[in-house]
Each structure stands twice: as structure tokens, then as C-alpha cells.
Amino acid sequence: MKAGEKPGYPGFKGKGWYDIITYLQSGFSLNDNMLTLSKIGDIKIKMHRSLEGNIKRLTIRRTPTQKWFVSILTDVETYQLLEHSDKAVGIDVGILSFAALSNGTYVPKLKKEHLNIKRH
């Protein structure tokens, strides 16, 4: 609200207003290469990998280049039991390197270009 305006009912948000839509466990269905969204309809999608587990959250986002992407969060337990060992190692997070281990190993810092982080 701008200074001096009277508060009132929210205005209509038209097409192109939202860049992110999130569905929490309901309001959508996924069948092969078709995503059905409540109040929106069917959308043809390209799956890049098969899904495992139950879908917990589905997020649809629009990039600045007007492309849409769907992120799917599932609940999959993917841990492995490790064999018992009497060996131990200490880890020191450092300034010159990312981490130094007590066995003499140094883990180098990651550079921004390796992290694939884009800042706006």
C-alpha cells in the first residue's frame, strides 16, 4: 500500500503475477508424462528420472527466461548401514582449507563456480 491510500480488499492478481506455485501433498496428480493440477488443468511434462517414495511437496517455478520447472520432494530412506570400525578421524573446519582431517588429509575450499549458485 502506498502512502495516503485507503486500505481495502486485495486487488485481483492476473496472469503472470506468480512465479512459484507450491502444492503440499494434494491438489495434483502425476501420471507418466502428464501433471494434473487443481484449478489449472493438465500439463505435459518431461520426467528426467523415475520417482521413488511418496510425494511430499510439488513446487512449480518460472525462471526469468519464462521457462517453467517442477521440483518434486519425496520421502525416501536412502541410508546405508556401515560396517563397525575402531578407526576414528577428527575434522577441523578451517579458513585456508574447507576441512583438515586428523589423518593429514585436507579438503580444499569449493569455489562459487563449482557450486552452481546464481545470485540475483
PDB file of N, CA and C in Angstrom:
ATOM      1  N   MET A   1       0.841  -1.156   0.000  1.00  0.00           N
ATOM      2  CA  MET A   1       0.000   0.000   0.000  1.00  0.00           C
ATOM      3  C   MET A   1       0.899   1.236   0.000  1.00  0.00           C
ATOM      4  N   LYS A   2       0.572   2.172  -0.853  1.00  0.00           N
ATOM      5  CA  LYS A   2       1.338   3.408  -0.928  1.00  0.00           C
ATOM      6  C   LYS A   2       0.867   4.376   0.148  1.00  0.00           C
ATOM      7  N   ALA A   3       1.703   5.328   0.470  1.00  0.00           N
ATOM      8  CA  ALA A   3       1.362   6.315   1.496  1.00  0.00           C
ATOM      9  C   ALA A   3       0.131   7.111   1.073  1.00  0.00           C
ATOM     10  N   GLY A   4      -0.815   7.261   1.977  1.00  0.00           N
ATOM     11  CA  GLY A   4      -2.010   8.042   1.706  1.00  0.00           C
ATOM     12  C   GLY A   4      -3.170   7.251   1.132  1.00  0.00           C
ATOM     13  N   GLU A   5      -2.950   5.971   0.741  1.00  0.00           N
ATOM     14  CA  GLU A   5      -4.029   5.145   0.189  1.00  0.00           C
ATOM     15  C   GLU A   5      -4.860   4.552   1.312  1.00  0.00           C
ATOM     16  N   LYS A   6      -6.137   4.360   1.022  1.00  0.00           N
ATOM     17  CA  LYS A   6      -7.019   3.710   1.988  1.00  0.00           C
ATOM     18  C   LYS A   6      -6.877   2.202   1.863  1.00  0.00           C
ATOM     19  N   PRO A   7      -6.774   1.489   2.986  1.00  0.00           N
ATOM     20  CA  PRO A   7      -6.743   0.026   2.895  1.00  0.00           C
ATOM     21  C   PRO A   7      -8.103  -0.489   2.432  1.00  0.00           C
ATOM     22  N   GLY A   8      -8.091  -1.628   1.761  1.00  0.00           N
ATOM     23  CA  GLY A   8      -9.337  -2.201   1.280  1.00  0.00           C
ATOM     24  C   GLY A   8      -9.138  -3.650   0.911  1.00  0.00           C
ATOM     25  N   TYR A   9      -9.993  -4.154   0.032  1.00  0.00           N
ATOM     26  CA  TYR A   9      -9.890  -5.536  -0.405  1.00  0.00           C
ATOM     27  C   TYR A   9      -8.658  -5.712  -1.290  1.00  0.00           C
ATOM     28  N   PRO A  10      -8.069  -6.902  -1.227  1.00  0.00           N
ATOM     29  CA  PRO A  10      -6.916  -7.146  -2.101  1.00  0.00           C
ATOM     30  C   PRO A  10      -7.332  -7.081  -3.568  1.00  0.00           C
ATOM     31  N   GLY A  11      -6.451  -6.582  -4.384  1.00  0.00           N
ATOM     32  CA  GLY A  11      -6.727  -6.494  -5.820  1.00  0.00           C
ATOM     33  C   GLY A  11      -6.560  -7.836  -6.494  1.00  0.00           C
ATOM     34  N   PHE A  12      -7.147  -7.975  -7.667  1.00  0.00           N
ATOM     35  CA  PHE A  12      -7.048  -9.204  -8.447  1.00  0.00           C
ATOM     36  C   PHE A  12      -5.631  -9.366  -8.966  1.00  0.00           C
ATOM     37  N   LYS A  13      -5.083 -10.554  -8.809  1.00  0.00           N
ATOM     38  CA  LYS A  13      -3.756 -10.865  -9.319  1.00  0.00           C
ATOM     39  C   LYS A  13      -3.923 -11.620 -10.628  1.00  0.00           C
ATOM     40  N   GLY A  14      -3.627 -10.996 -11.721  1.00  0.00           N
ATOM     41  CA  GLY A  14      -3.865 -11.568 -13.045  1.00  0.00           C
ATOM     42  C   GLY A  14      -2.786 -12.526 -13.497  1.00  0.00           C
ATOM     43  N   LYS A  15      -2.914 -12.928 -14.749  1.00  0.00           N
ATOM     44  CA  LYS A  15      -1.979 -13.859 -15.374  1.00  0.00           C
ATOM     45  C   LYS A  15      -0.567 -13.279 -15.331  1.00  0.00           C
ATOM     46  N   GLY A  16       0.404 -14.122 -15.011  1.00  0.00           N
ATOM     47  CA  GLY A  16       1.786 -13.698 -14.970  1.00  0.00           C
ATOM     48  C   GLY A  16       2.218 -13.082 -13.650  1.00  0.00           C
ATOM     49  N   TRP A  17       1.357 -13.056 -12.648  1.00  0.00           N
ATOM     50  CA  TRP A  17       1.677 -12.434 -11.369  1.00  0.00           C
ATOM     51  C   TRP A  17       2.575 -13.326 -10.517  1.00  0.00           C
ATOM     52  N   TYR A  18       2.317 -14.624 -10.535  1.00  0.00           N
ATOM     53  CA  TYR A  18       3.044 -15.541  -9.655  1.00  0.00           C
ATOM     54  C   TYR A  18       4.176 -16.241 -10.405  1.00  0.00           C
ATOM     55  N   ASP A  19       5.319 -16.411  -9.722  1.00  0.00           N
ATOM     56  CA  ASP A  19       6.460 -17.122 -10.285  1.00  0.00           C
ATOM     57  C   ASP A  19       6.645 -18.490  -9.650  1.00  0.00           C
ATOM     58  N   ILE A  20       6.017 -18.729  -8.493  1.00  0.00           N
ATOM     59  CA  ILE A  20       6.155 -20.009  -7.790  1.00  0.00           C
ATOM     60  C   ILE A  20       4.791 -20.446  -7.276  1.00  0.00           C
ATOM     61  N   ILE A  21       4.480 -21.729  -7.519  1.00  0.00           N
ATOM     62  CA  ILE A  21       3.256 -22.339  -7.002  1.00  0.00           C
ATOM     63  C   ILE A  21       3.689 -23.596  -6.252  1.00  0.00           C
ATOM     64  N   THR A  22       3.199 -23.780  -5.025  1.00  0.00           N
ATOM     65  CA  THR A  22       3.565 -24.947  -4.226  1.00  0.00           C
ATOM     66  C   THR A  22       2.317 -25.725  -3.839  1.00  0.00           C
ATOM     67  N   TYR A  23       2.365 -27.047  -4.045  1.00  0.00           N
ATOM     68  CA  TYR A  23       1.303 -27.954  -3.625  1.00  0.00           C
ATOM     69  C   TYR A  23       1.865 -28.850  -2.536  1.00  0.00           C
ATOM     70  N   LEU A  24       1.178 -28.923  -1.401  1.00  0.00           N
ATOM     71  CA  LEU A  24       1.624 -29.750  -0.292  1.00  0.00           C
ATOM     72  C   LEU A  24       0.794 -31.023  -0.226  1.00  0.00           C
ATOM     73  N   GLN A  25       1.254 -32.086  -0.808  1.00  0.00           N
ATOM     74  CA  GLN A  25       0.710 -33.442  -0.747  1.00  0.00           C
ATOM     75  C   GLN A  25      -0.659 -33.627  -1.387  1.00  0.00           C
ATOM     76  N   SER A  26      -1.313 -32.588  -1.862  1.00  0.00           N
ATOM     77  CA  SER A  26      -2.606 -32.770  -2.515  1.00  0.00           C
ATOM     78  C   SER A  26      -2.812 -31.658  -3.536  1.00  0.00           C
ATOM     79  N   GLY A  27      -3.825 -31.844  -4.383  1.00  0.00           N
ATOM     80  CA  GLY A  27      -4.123 -30.840  -5.392  1.00  0.00           C
ATOM     81  C   GLY A  27      -3.445 -31.116  -6.715  1.00  0.00           C
ATOM     82  N   PHE A  28      -2.799 -32.256  -6.830  1.00  0.00           N
ATOM     83  CA  PHE A  28      -2.113 -32.613  -8.071  1.00  0.00           C
ATOM     84  C   PHE A  28      -2.092 -34.121  -8.230  1.00  0.00           C
ATOM     85  N   SER A  29      -1.884 -34.568  -9.450  1.00  0.00           N
ATOM     86  CA  SER A  29      -1.638 -35.987  -9.713  1.00  0.00           C
ATOM     87  C   SER A  29      -0.631 -36.087 -10.848  1.00  0.00           C
ATOM     88  N   LEU A  30       0.152 -37.148 -10.812  1.00  0.00           N
ATOM     89  CA  LEU A  30       1.229 -37.340 -11.769  1.00  0.00           C
ATOM     90  C   LEU A  30       1.060 -38.704 -12.417  1.00  0.00           C
ATOM     91  N   ASN A  31       0.867 -38.725 -13.734  1.00  0.00           N
ATOM     92  CA  ASN A  31       0.718 -39.969 -14.483  1.00  0.00           C
ATOM     93  C   ASN A  31       1.597 -39.915 -15.714  1.00  0.00           C
ATOM     94  N   ASP A  32       2.598 -40.787 -15.779  1.00  0.00           N
ATOM     95  CA  ASP A  32       3.558 -40.853 -16.890  1.00  0.00           C
ATOM     96  C   ASP A  32       4.131 -39.476 -17.199  1.00  0.00           C
ATOM     97  N   ASN A  33       3.754 -38.893 -18.338  1.00  0.00           N
ATOM     98  CA  ASN A  33       4.303 -37.589 -18.710  1.00  0.00           C
ATOM     99  C   ASN A  33       3.244 -36.487 -18.625  1.00  0.00           C
ATOM    100  N   MET A  34       2.253 -36.654 -17.736  1.00  0.00           N
ATOM    101  CA  MET A  34       1.187 -35.673 -17.588  1.00  0.00           C
ATOM    102  C   MET A  34       1.031 -35.301 -16.112  1.00  0.00           C
ATOM    103  N   LEU A  35       1.066 -34.004 -15.836  1.00  0.00           N
ATOM    104  CA  LEU A  35       0.867 -33.482 -14.498  1.00  0.00           C
ATOM    105  C   LEU A  35      -0.480 -32.774 -14.477  1.00  0.00           C
ATOM    106  N   THR A  36      -1.376 -33.197 -13.569  1.00  0.00           N
ATOM    107  CA  THR A  36      -2.695 -32.583 -13.442  1.00  0.00           C
ATOM    108  C   THR A  36      -2.710 -31.743 -12.179  1.00  0.00           C
ATOM    109  N   LEU A  37      -2.982 -30.436 -12.340  1.00  0.00           N
ATOM    110  CA  LEU A  37      -3.011 -29.504 -11.225  1.00  0.00           C
ATOM    111  C   LEU A  37      -4.428 -29.008 -11.010  1.00  0.00           C
ATOM    112  N   SER A  38      -4.854 -28.966  -9.742  1.00  0.00           N
ATOM    113  CA  SER A  38      -6.194 -28.478  -9.455  1.00  0.00           C
ATOM    114  C   SER A  38      -6.298 -27.006  -9.853  1.00  0.00           C
ATOM    115  N   LYS A  39      -7.435 -26.644 -10.419  1.00  0.00           N
ATOM    116  CA  LYS A  39      -7.763 -25.290 -10.867  1.00  0.00           C
ATOM    117  C   LYS A  39      -6.897 -24.784 -12.011  1.00  0.00           C
ATOM    118  N   ILE A  40      -5.987 -25.634 -12.518  1.00  0.00           N
ATOM    119  CA  ILE A  40      -5.155 -25.234 -13.658  1.00  0.00           C
ATOM    120  C   ILE A  40      -5.384 -26.184 -14.829  1.00  0.00           C
ATOM    121  N   GLY A  41      -5.307 -27.508 -14.573  1.00  0.00           N
ATOM    122  CA  GLY A  41      -5.548 -28.485 -15.618  1.00  0.00           C
ATOM    123  C   GLY A  41      -4.348 -29.375 -15.864  1.00  0.00           C
ATOM    124  N   ASP A  42      -4.336 -30.010 -17.044  1.00  0.00           N
ATOM    125  CA  ASP A  42      -3.282 -30.950 -17.422  1.00  0.00           C
ATOM    126  C   ASP A  42      -2.120 -30.208 -18.076  1.00  0.00           C
ATOM    127  N   ILE A  43      -0.916 -30.625 -17.696  1.00  0.00           N
ATOM    128  CA  ILE A  43       0.302 -30.056 -18.260  1.00  0.00           C
ATOM    129  C   ILE A  43       1.209 -31.213 -18.655  1.00  0.00           C
ATOM    130  N   LYS A  44       1.672 -31.195 -19.903  1.00  0.00           N
ATOM    131  CA  LYS A  44       2.598 -32.215 -20.373  1.00  0.00           C
ATOM    132  C   LYS A  44       3.979 -31.889 -19.820  1.00  0.00           C
ATOM    133  N   ILE A  45       4.644 -32.900 -19.226  1.00  0.00           N
ATOM    134  CA  ILE A  45       5.957 -32.682 -18.630  1.00  0.00           C
ATOM    135  C   ILE A  45       6.964 -33.691 -19.164  1.00  0.00           C
ATOM    136  N   LYS A  46       8.229 -33.395 -18.963  1.00  0.00           N
ATOM    137  CA  LYS A  46       9.321 -34.294 -19.336  1.00  0.00           C
ATOM    138  C   LYS A  46      10.013 -34.723 -18.054  1.00  0.00           C
ATOM    139  N   MET A  47       9.881 -36.001 -17.701  1.00  0.00           N
ATOM    140  CA  MET A  47      10.495 -36.527 -16.470  1.00  0.00           C
ATOM    141  C   MET A  47      11.958 -36.861 -16.758  1.00  0.00           C
ATOM    142  N   HIS A  48      12.857 -36.413 -15.870  1.00  0.00           N
ATOM    143  CA  HIS A  48      14.274 -36.663 -16.063  1.00  0.00           C
ATOM    144  C   HIS A  48      14.764 -37.882 -15.295  1.00  0.00           C
ATOM    145  N   ARG A  49      13.954 -38.340 -14.351  1.00  0.00           N
ATOM    146  CA  ARG A  49      14.297 -39.559 -13.613  1.00  0.00           C
ATOM    147  C   ARG A  49      13.024 -40.126 -13.002  1.00  0.00           C
ATOM    148  N   SER A  50      13.075 -41.394 -12.631  1.00  0.00           N
ATOM    149  CA  SER A  50      11.894 -42.017 -12.043  1.00  0.00           C
ATOM    150  C   SER A  50      11.772 -41.591 -10.573  1.00  0.00           C
ATOM    151  N   LEU A  51      10.554 -41.607 -10.072  1.00  0.00           N
ATOM    152  CA  LEU A  51      10.292 -41.192  -8.697  1.00  0.00           C
ATOM    153  C   LEU A  51      10.299 -42.396  -7.774  1.00  0.00           C
ATOM    154  N   GLU A  52      10.840 -42.194  -6.587  1.00  0.00           N
ATOM    155  CA  GLU A  52      10.806 -43.218  -5.544  1.00  0.00           C
ATOM    156  C   GLU A  52      10.184 -42.599  -4.308  1.00  0.00           C
ATOM    157  N   GLY A  53       9.349 -43.333  -3.612  1.00  0.00           N
ATOM    158  CA  GLY A  53       8.750 -42.851  -2.377  1.00  0.00           C
ATOM    159  C   GLY A  53       7.481 -42.060  -2.614  1.00  0.00           C
ATOM    160  N   ASN A  54       6.934 -41.517  -1.530  1.00  0.00           N
ATOM    161  CA  ASN A  54       5.711 -40.728  -1.586  1.00  0.00           C
ATOM    162  C   ASN A  54       6.040 -39.268  -1.826  1.00  0.00           C
ATOM    163  N   ILE A  55       5.246 -38.615  -2.658  1.00  0.00           N
ATOM    164  CA  ILE A  55       5.462 -37.198  -2.940  1.00  0.00           C
ATOM    165  C   ILE A  55       4.999 -36.387  -1.737  1.00  0.00           C
ATOM    166  N   LYS A  56       5.873 -35.548  -1.207  1.00  0.00           N
ATOM    167  CA  LYS A  56       5.567 -34.706  -0.061  1.00  0.00           C
ATOM    168  C   LYS A  56       5.249 -33.277  -0.472  1.00  0.00           C
ATOM    169  N   ARG A  57       5.932 -32.774  -1.497  1.00  0.00           N
ATOM    170  CA  ARG A  57       5.703 -31.403  -1.940  1.00  0.00           C
ATOM    171  C   ARG A  57       6.048 -31.286  -3.418  1.00  0.00           C
ATOM    172  N   LEU A  58       5.260 -30.499  -4.131  1.00  0.00           N
ATOM    173  CA  LEU A  58       5.485 -30.256  -5.544  1.00  0.00           C
ATOM    174  C   LEU A  58       5.550 -28.735  -5.726  1.00  0.00           C
ATOM    175  N   THR A  59       6.655 -28.251  -6.269  1.00  0.00           N
ATOM    176  CA  THR A  59       6.839 -26.816  -6.471  1.00  0.00           C
ATOM    177  C   THR A  59       7.052 -26.547  -7.946  1.00  0.00           C
ATOM    178  N   ILE A  60       6.301 -25.600  -8.471  1.00  0.00           N
ATOM    179  CA  ILE A  60       6.416 -25.201  -9.866  1.00  0.00           C
ATOM    180  C   ILE A  60       6.944 -23.776  -9.863  1.00  0.00           C
ATOM    181  N   ARG A  61       8.038 -23.533 -10.607  1.00  0.00           N
ATOM    182  CA  ARG A  61       8.597 -22.188 -10.612  1.00  0.00           C
ATOM    183  C   ARG A  61       8.908 -21.729 -12.032  1.00  0.00           C
ATOM    184  N   ARG A  62       8.826 -20.415 -12.216  1.00  0.00           N
ATOM    185  CA  ARG A  62       9.124 -19.809 -13.505  1.00  0.00           C
ATOM    186  C   ARG A  62      10.463 -19.085 -13.391  1.00  0.00           C
ATOM    187  N   THR A  63      11.330 -19.327 -14.366  1.00  0.00           N
ATOM    188  CA  THR A  63      12.633 -18.672 -14.379  1.00  0.00           C
ATOM    189  C   THR A  63      12.503 -17.293 -15.026  1.00  0.00           C
ATOM    190  N   PRO A  64      13.519 -16.446 -14.884  1.00  0.00           N
ATOM    191  CA  PRO A  64      13.479 -15.133 -15.544  1.00  0.00           C
ATOM    192  C   PRO A  64      13.358 -15.230 -17.069  1.00  0.00           C
ATOM    193  N   THR A  65      13.738 -16.383 -17.643  1.00  0.00           N
ATOM    194  CA  THR A  65      13.619 -16.567 -19.090  1.00  0.00           C
ATOM    195  C   THR A  65      12.265 -17.163 -19.484  1.00  0.00           C
ATOM    196  N   GLN A  66      11.299 -17.126 -18.541  1.00  0.00           N
ATOM    197  CA  GLN A  66       9.923 -17.575 -18.778  1.00  0.00           C
ATOM    198  C   GLN A  66       9.800 -19.079 -19.014  1.00  0.00           C
ATOM    199  N   LYS A  67      10.726 -19.868 -18.497  1.00  0.00           N
ATOM    200  CA  LYS A  67      10.615 -21.328 -18.554  1.00  0.00           C
ATOM    201  C   LYS A  67      10.086 -21.809 -17.214  1.00  0.00           C
ATOM    202  N   TRP A  68       9.304 -22.882 -17.240  1.00  0.00           N
ATOM    203  CA  TRP A  68       8.705 -23.441 -16.024  1.00  0.00           C
ATOM    204  C   TRP A  68       9.391 -24.744 -15.666  1.00  0.00           C
ATOM    205  N   PHE A  69       9.646 -24.956 -14.380  1.00  0.00           N
ATOM    206  CA  PHE A  69      10.262 -26.181 -13.882  1.00  0.00           C
ATOM    207  C   PHE A  69       9.465 -26.702 -12.698  1.00  0.00           C
ATOM    208  N   VAL A  70       9.404 -28.029 -12.560  1.00  0.00           N
ATOM    209  CA  VAL A  70       8.710 -28.669 -11.452  1.00  0.00           C
ATOM    210  C   VAL A  70       9.754 -29.377 -10.588  1.00  0.00           C
ATOM    211  N   SER A  71       9.727 -29.110  -9.288  1.00  0.00           N
ATOM    212  CA  SER A  71      10.578 -29.806  -8.319  1.00  0.00           C
ATOM    213  C   SER A  71       9.672 -30.666  -7.452  1.00  0.00           C
ATOM    214  N   ILE A  72      10.053 -31.928  -7.281  1.00  0.00           N
ATOM    215  CA  ILE A  72       9.239 -32.865  -6.513  1.00  0.00           C
ATOM    216  C   ILE A  72      10.061 -33.368  -5.333  1.00  0.00           C
ATOM    217  N   LEU A  73       9.521 -33.191  -4.131  1.00  0.00           N
ATOM    218  CA  LEU A  73      10.171 -33.650  -2.911  1.00  0.00           C
ATOM    219  C   LEU A  73       9.485 -34.938  -2.469  1.00  0.00           C
ATOM    220  N   THR A  74      10.258 -36.004  -2.288  1.00  0.00           N
ATOM    221  CA  THR A  74       9.705 -37.285  -1.848  1.00  0.00           C
ATOM    222  C   THR A  74      10.353 -37.710  -0.537  1.00  0.00           C
ATOM    223  N   ASP A  75       9.734 -38.676   0.124  1.00  0.00           N
ATOM    224  CA  ASP A  75      10.293 -39.214   1.364  1.00  0.00           C
ATOM    225  C   ASP A  75      10.857 -40.598   1.113  1.00  0.00           C
ATOM    226  N   VAL A  76      12.155 -40.654   0.848  1.00  0.00           N
ATOM    227  CA  VAL A  76      12.832 -41.911   0.565  1.00  0.00           C
ATOM    228  C   VAL A  76      13.952 -42.078   1.576  1.00  0.00           C
ATOM    229  N   GLU A  77      14.003 -43.241   2.191  1.00  0.00           N
ATOM    230  CA  GLU A  77      15.099 -43.525   3.107  1.00  0.00           C
ATOM    231  C   GLU A  77      16.219 -44.172   2.311  1.00  0.00           C
ATOM    232  N   THR A  78      17.319 -43.442   2.150  1.00  0.00           N
ATOM    233  CA  THR A  78      18.423 -43.930   1.325  1.00  0.00           C
ATOM    234  C   THR A  78      19.714 -44.004   2.123  1.00  0.00           C
ATOM    235  N   TYR A  79      19.636 -44.550   3.310  1.00  0.00           N
ATOM    236  CA  TYR A  79      20.851 -44.665   4.095  1.00  0.00           C
ATOM    237  C   TYR A  79      21.400 -46.082   3.991  1.00  0.00           C
ATOM    238  N   GLN A  80      22.696 -46.199   4.223  1.00  0.00           N
ATOM    239  CA  GLN A  80      23.358 -47.498   4.215  1.00  0.00           C
ATOM    240  C   GLN A  80      23.971 -47.732   5.591  1.00  0.00           C
ATOM    241  N   LEU A  81      23.844 -48.921   6.065  1.00  0.00           N
ATOM    242  CA  LEU A  81      24.499 -49.263   7.323  1.00  0.00           C
ATOM    243  C   LEU A  81      25.989 -49.461   7.049  1.00  0.00           C
ATOM    244  N   LEU A  82      26.813 -48.882   7.887  1.00  0.00           N
ATOM    245  CA  LEU A  82      28.258 -49.016   7.732  1.00  0.00           C
ATOM    246  C   LEU A  82      28.762 -50.147   8.613  1.00  0.00           C
ATOM    247  N   GLU A  83      29.829 -50.757   8.152  1.00  0.00           N
ATOM    248  CA  GLU A  83      30.440 -51.810   8.966  1.00  0.00           C
ATOM    249  C   GLU A  83      31.102 -51.179  10.176  1.00  0.00           C
ATOM    250  N   HIS A  84      31.080 -51.882  11.300  1.00  0.00           N
ATOM    251  CA  HIS A  84      31.696 -51.378  12.523  1.00  0.00           C
ATOM    252  C   HIS A  84      33.199 -51.234  12.312  1.00  0.00           C
ATOM    253  N   SER A  85      33.748 -50.149  12.823  1.00  0.00           N
ATOM    254  CA  SER A  85      35.181 -49.896  12.692  1.00  0.00           C
ATOM    255  C   SER A  85      35.675 -49.238  13.974  1.00  0.00           C
ATOM    256  N   ASP A  86      36.907 -49.551  14.342  1.00  0.00           N
ATOM    257  CA  ASP A  86      37.522 -48.914  15.502  1.00  0.00           C
ATOM    258  C   ASP A  86      38.303 -47.665  15.102  1.00  0.00           C
ATOM    259  N   LYS A  87      38.349 -47.379  13.798  1.00  0.00           N
ATOM    260  CA  LYS A  87      39.078 -46.209  13.316  1.00  0.00           C
ATOM    261  C   LYS A  87      38.252 -44.954  13.563  1.00  0.00           C
ATOM    262  N   ALA A  88      38.945 -43.868  13.863  1.00  0.00           N
ATOM    263  CA  ALA A  88      38.284 -42.588  14.091  1.00  0.00           C
ATOM    264  C   ALA A  88      39.101 -41.500  13.420  1.00  0.00           C
ATOM    265  N   VAL A  89      38.455 -40.428  13.071  1.00  0.00           N
ATOM    266  CA  VAL A  89      39.143 -39.293  12.463  1.00  0.00           C
ATOM    267  C   VAL A  89      38.521 -38.006  13.003  1.00  0.00           C
ATOM    268  N   GLY A  90      39.374 -37.034  13.295  1.00  0.00           N
ATOM    269  CA  GLY A  90      38.889 -35.737  13.749  1.00  0.00           C
ATOM    270  C   GLY A  90      38.789 -34.790  12.570  1.00  0.00           C
ATOM    271  N   ILE A  91      37.811 -33.912  12.577  1.00  0.00           N
ATOM    272  CA  ILE A  91      37.591 -32.964  11.484  1.00  0.00           C
ATOM    273  C   ILE A  91      37.653 -31.553  12.046  1.00  0.00           C
ATOM    274  N   ASP A  92      38.486 -30.708  11.418  1.00  0.00           N
ATOM    275  CA  ASP A  92      38.595 -29.312  11.820  1.00  0.00           C
ATOM    276  C   ASP A  92      38.240 -28.459  10.612  1.00  0.00           C
ATOM    277  N   VAL A  93      37.151 -27.706  10.720  1.00  0.00           N
ATOM    278  CA  VAL A  93      36.758 -26.815   9.639  1.00  0.00           C
ATOM    279  C   VAL A  93      37.658 -25.599   9.719  1.00  0.00           C
ATOM    280  N   GLY A  94      38.300 -25.277   8.599  1.00  0.00           N
ATOM    281  CA  GLY A  94      39.312 -24.236   8.645  1.00  0.00           C
ATOM    282  C   GLY A  94      39.039 -23.033   7.777  1.00  0.00           C
ATOM    283  N   ILE A  95      40.024 -22.129   7.751  1.00  0.00           N
ATOM    284  CA  ILE A  95      39.941 -20.915   6.951  1.00  0.00           C
ATOM    285  C   ILE A  95      40.694 -21.102   5.641  1.00  0.00           C
ATOM    286  N   LEU A  96      41.886 -21.685   5.704  1.00  0.00           N
ATOM    287  CA  LEU A  96      42.686 -21.875   4.495  1.00  0.00           C
ATOM    288  C   LEU A  96      42.167 -23.015   3.632  1.00  0.00           C
ATOM    289  N   SER A  97      41.641 -24.057   4.256  1.00  0.00           N
ATOM    290  CA  SER A  97      41.019 -25.154   3.512  1.00  0.00           C
ATOM    291  C   SER A  97      39.640 -25.381   4.131  1.00  0.00           C
ATOM    292  N   PHE A  98      38.771 -26.079   3.386  1.00  0.00           N
ATOM    293  CA  PHE A  98      37.425 -26.321   3.891  1.00  0.00           C
ATOM    294  C   PHE A  98      37.478 -27.124   5.183  1.00  0.00           C
ATOM    295  N   ALA A  99      38.298 -28.190   5.178  1.00  0.00           N
ATOM    296  CA  ALA A  99      38.425 -29.023   6.373  1.00  0.00           C
ATOM    297  C   ALA A  99      39.799 -29.679   6.393  1.00  0.00           C
ATOM    298  N   ALA A 100      40.280 -29.915   7.600  1.00  0.00           N
ATOM    299  CA  ALA A 100      41.520 -30.659   7.801  1.00  0.00           C
ATOM    300  C   ALA A 100      41.179 -31.865   8.662  1.00  0.00           C
ATOM    301  N   LEU A 101      41.600 -33.045   8.221  1.00  0.00           N
ATOM    302  CA  LEU A 101      41.329 -34.278   8.959  1.00  0.00           C
ATOM    303  C   LEU A 101      42.552 -34.660   9.783  1.00  0.00           C
ATOM    304  N   SER A 102      42.323 -35.359  10.878  1.00  0.00           N
ATOM    305  CA  SER A 102      43.415 -35.740  11.760  1.00  0.00           C
ATOM    306  C   SER A 102      44.370 -36.747  11.126  1.00  0.00           C
ATOM    307  N   ASN A 103      43.969 -37.378  10.023  1.00  0.00           N
ATOM    308  CA  ASN A 103      44.868 -38.317   9.340  1.00  0.00           C
ATOM    309  C   ASN A 103      45.757 -37.611   8.315  1.00  0.00           C
ATOM    310  N   GLY A 104      45.720 -36.253   8.280  1.00  0.00           N
ATOM    311  CA  GLY A 104      46.593 -35.490   7.386  1.00  0.00           C
ATOM    312  C   GLY A 104      45.946 -35.073   6.069  1.00  0.00           C
ATOM    313  N   THR A 105      44.728 -35.468   5.841  1.00  0.00           N
ATOM    314  CA  THR A 105      44.043 -35.116   4.601  1.00  0.00           C
ATOM    315  C   THR A 105      43.452 -33.714   4.707  1.00  0.00           C
ATOM    316  N   TYR A 106      43.583 -32.934   3.644  1.00  0.00           N
ATOM    317  CA  TYR A 106      42.986 -31.603   3.576  1.00  0.00           C
ATOM    318  C   TYR A 106      41.913 -31.596   2.491  1.00  0.00           C
ATOM    319  N   VAL A 107      40.768 -31.048   2.796  1.00  0.00           N
ATOM    320  CA  VAL A 107      39.671 -30.915   1.842  1.00  0.00           C
ATOM    321  C   VAL A 107      39.673 -29.464   1.386  1.00  0.00           C
ATOM    322  N   PRO A 108      39.919 -29.202   0.077  1.00  0.00           N
ATOM    323  CA  PRO A 108      40.015 -27.812  -0.387  1.00  0.00           C
ATOM    324  C   PRO A 108      38.672 -27.097  -0.373  1.00  0.00           C
ATOM    325  N   LYS A 109      38.738 -25.753  -0.373  1.00  0.00           N
ATOM    326  CA  LYS A 109      37.530 -24.934  -0.445  1.00  0.00           C
ATOM    327  C   LYS A 109      36.873 -25.111  -1.806  1.00  0.00           C
ATOM    328  N   LEU A 110      35.553 -25.014  -1.823  1.00  0.00           N
ATOM    329  CA  LEU A 110      34.830 -25.039  -3.085  1.00  0.00           C
ATOM    330  C   LEU A 110      34.698 -23.611  -3.586  1.00  0.00           C
ATOM    331  N   LYS A 111      34.865 -23.428  -4.894  1.00  0.00           N
ATOM    332  CA  LYS A 111      34.709 -22.103  -5.476  1.00  0.00           C
ATOM    333  C   LYS A 111      33.266 -21.912  -5.911  1.00  0.00           C
ATOM    334  N   LYS A 112      32.825 -20.659  -5.988  1.00  0.00           N
ATOM    335  CA  LYS A 112      31.439 -20.347  -6.339  1.00  0.00           C
ATOM    336  C   LYS A 112      31.027 -20.985  -7.659  1.00  0.00           C
ATOM    337  N   GLU A 113      31.929 -20.990  -8.634  1.00  0.00           N
ATOM    338  CA  GLU A 113      31.563 -21.551  -9.940  1.00  0.00           C
ATOM    339  C   GLU A 113      31.334 -23.056  -9.883  1.00  0.00           C
ATOM    340  N   HIS A 114      31.892 -23.732  -8.883  1.00  0.00           N
ATOM    341  CA  HIS A 114      31.670 -25.163  -8.719  1.00  0.00           C
ATOM    342  C   HIS A 114      30.347 -25.462  -8.016  1.00  0.00           C
ATOM    343  N   LEU A 115      29.803 -24.469  -7.284  1.00  0.00           N
ATOM    344  CA  LEU A 115      28.572 -24.674  -6.527  1.00  0.00           C
ATOM    345  C   LEU A 115      27.325 -24.460  -7.371  1.00  0.00           C
ATOM    346  N   ASN A 116      27.465 -23.846  -8.546  1.00  0.00           N
ATOM    347  CA  ASN A 116      26.340 -23.572  -9.444  1.00  0.00           C
ATOM    348  C   ASN A 116      25.280 -22.708  -8.757  1.00  0.00           C
ATOM    349  N   ILE A 117      25.754 -21.674  -8.023  1.00  0.00           N
ATOM    350  CA  ILE A 117      24.854 -20.755  -7.341  1.00  0.00           C
ATOM    351  C   ILE A 117      24.730 -19.496  -8.181  1.00  0.00           C
ATOM    352  N   LYS A 118      23.486 -19.090  -8.414  1.00  0.00           N
ATOM    353  CA  LYS A 118      23.238 -17.866  -9.156  1.00  0.00           C
ATOM    354  C   LYS A 118      22.603 -16.864  -8.218  1.00  0.00           C
ATOM    355  N   ARG A 119      23.156 -15.690  -8.136  1.00  0.00           N
ATOM    356  CA  ARG A 119      22.606 -14.644  -7.274  1.00  0.00           C
ATOM    357  C   ARG A 119      21.938 -13.588  -8.125  1.00  0.00           C
ATOM    358  N   HIS A 120      20.853 -13.046  -7.623  1.00  0.00           N
ATOM    359  CA  HIS A 120      20.106 -12.029  -8.363  1.00  0.00           C
ATOM    360  C   HIS A 120      20.415 -10.662  -7.832  1.00  0.00           C
TER     361      HIS A 120
END
